[in-house]
């Protein structure tokens, strides 16, 4: 039976089980702890071959954040107040793509 509208509710003593904590999404390891992330993830579909490459990366989120940031910087779209946050992040060299061989480039 649903509660009447306006009735206080929820779990007054929530418990985070070890199973829940194991599945908890980790913090962004490429950004300082004080950098607030958007509440909604940005999603995009890629061509199948590009999707396969990105999904093979060990730190997809880190790499994608760096790639987006680099493109925004090149196009001059980052306001001055955001620049200090970017400079605190781990440099993109730390998350470079793995070396590829010539046959992989042709597929």
Protein backbone atom coordinates (compact mmCIF):
# COMPACT_ATOMS: atom_id res chain seq x y z
CA UNK A 1 0.00 0.00 0.00
CA UNK A 2 1.53 3.37 -0.99
CA UNK A 3 2.07 6.03 1.65
CA UNK A 4 -0.18 9.08 1.56
CA UNK A 5 1.39 12.05 -0.20
CA UNK A 6 3.37 14.30 2.12
CA UNK A 7 4.02 11.55 4.67
CA UNK A 8 7.66 11.53 5.86
CA UNK A 9 9.43 8.39 4.82
CA UNK A 10 12.60 6.83 3.63
CA UNK A 11 15.02 4.72 5.56
CA UNK A 12 15.95 6.55 8.78
CA UNK A 13 18.96 4.29 9.34
CA UNK A 14 20.42 3.41 5.92
CA UNK A 15 23.16 0.78 5.79
CA UNK A 16 25.73 0.58 2.99
CA UNK A 17 26.55 -3.09 2.67
CA UNK A 18 29.96 -4.32 1.52
CA UNK A 19 28.30 -5.53 -1.71
CA UNK A 20 26.96 -2.01 -2.33
CA UNK A 21 30.31 -0.37 -1.56
CA UNK A 22 32.13 -2.70 -4.00
CA UNK A 23 29.84 -1.56 -6.82
CA UNK A 24 30.05 2.12 -5.92
CA UNK A 25 31.45 4.17 -8.79
CA UNK A 26 34.99 5.34 -7.97
CA UNK A 27 35.97 9.00 -7.84
CA UNK A 28 37.62 10.58 -10.87
CA UNK A 29 41.29 9.69 -10.33
CA UNK A 30 42.47 12.23 -12.91
CA UNK A 31 40.99 15.23 -11.08
CA UNK A 32 41.61 16.79 -7.65
CA UNK A 33 39.13 15.78 -4.94
CA UNK A 34 37.62 19.28 -4.77
CA UNK A 35 36.54 19.29 -8.45
CA UNK A 36 32.79 18.80 -8.73
CA UNK A 37 31.63 16.48 -11.51
CA UNK A 38 28.35 16.89 -13.37
CA UNK A 39 25.46 14.93 -11.91
CA UNK A 40 24.56 13.45 -15.32
CA UNK A 41 27.08 11.62 -17.51
CA UNK A 42 27.63 12.82 -21.06
CA UNK A 43 26.89 9.99 -23.48
CA UNK A 44 27.69 9.63 -27.16
CA UNK A 45 27.47 6.83 -29.70
CA UNK A 46 30.58 6.21 -31.78
CA UNK A 47 31.19 4.36 -35.02
CA UNK A 48 31.74 0.68 -34.24
CA UNK A 49 35.50 0.70 -34.95
CA UNK A 50 36.10 3.79 -32.79
CA UNK A 51 33.90 2.36 -30.03
CA UNK A 52 36.01 -0.80 -29.97
CA UNK A 53 39.21 1.25 -29.58
CA UNK A 54 37.84 3.44 -26.77
CA UNK A 55 36.37 0.48 -24.89
CA UNK A 56 39.76 -1.25 -25.03
CA UNK A 57 41.43 1.58 -23.10
CA UNK A 58 42.26 0.81 -19.46
CA UNK A 59 40.90 4.16 -18.17
CA UNK A 60 38.17 5.14 -20.62
CA UNK A 61 36.69 7.95 -18.53
CA UNK A 62 40.09 9.51 -17.83
CA UNK A 63 41.05 9.33 -21.51
CA UNK A 64 37.73 10.74 -22.70
CA UNK A 65 37.88 13.63 -20.21
CA UNK A 66 41.39 14.46 -21.43
CA UNK A 67 40.37 14.22 -25.10
CA UNK A 68 37.34 16.47 -24.60
CA UNK A 69 39.37 18.96 -22.56
CA UNK A 70 42.12 19.07 -25.20
CA UNK A 71 39.59 19.76 -27.97
CA UNK A 72 37.85 22.48 -25.94
CA UNK A 73 41.23 24.13 -25.26
CA UNK A 74 42.22 24.02 -28.95
CA UNK A 75 38.95 25.67 -29.92
CA UNK A 76 39.25 28.33 -27.20
CA UNK A 77 35.97 27.35 -25.55
CA UNK A 78 37.22 27.03 -21.95
CA UNK A 79 36.54 30.12 -19.79
CA UNK A 80 39.39 31.51 -17.68
CA UNK A 81 37.87 30.36 -14.37
CA UNK A 82 37.99 26.73 -15.51
CA UNK A 83 41.63 26.80 -16.64
CA UNK A 84 43.12 26.38 -13.11
CA UNK A 85 41.07 23.20 -12.63
CA UNK A 86 42.43 21.78 -15.88
CA UNK A 87 46.02 22.59 -14.92
CA UNK A 88 45.62 20.60 -11.67
CA UNK A 89 44.52 17.48 -13.52
CA UNK A 90 46.95 14.69 -14.39
CA UNK A 91 48.62 15.55 -17.70
CA UNK A 92 47.33 13.70 -20.76
CA UNK A 93 50.73 12.00 -21.21
CA UNK A 94 49.83 9.87 -18.20
CA UNK A 95 46.82 8.50 -20.04
CA UNK A 96 48.19 8.23 -23.55
CA UNK A 97 46.82 5.61 -25.89
CA UNK A 98 48.64 2.30 -25.91
CA UNK A 99 51.06 1.79 -28.79
CA UNK A 100 49.43 0.38 -31.86
CA UNK A 101 50.86 -1.71 -34.64
CA UNK A 102 50.51 -0.98 -38.36
CA UNK A 103 48.02 -3.81 -38.98
CA UNK A 104 45.69 -2.47 -36.28
CA UNK A 105 45.63 0.94 -37.95
CA UNK A 106 44.31 -0.60 -41.20
CA UNK A 107 41.34 -2.37 -39.59
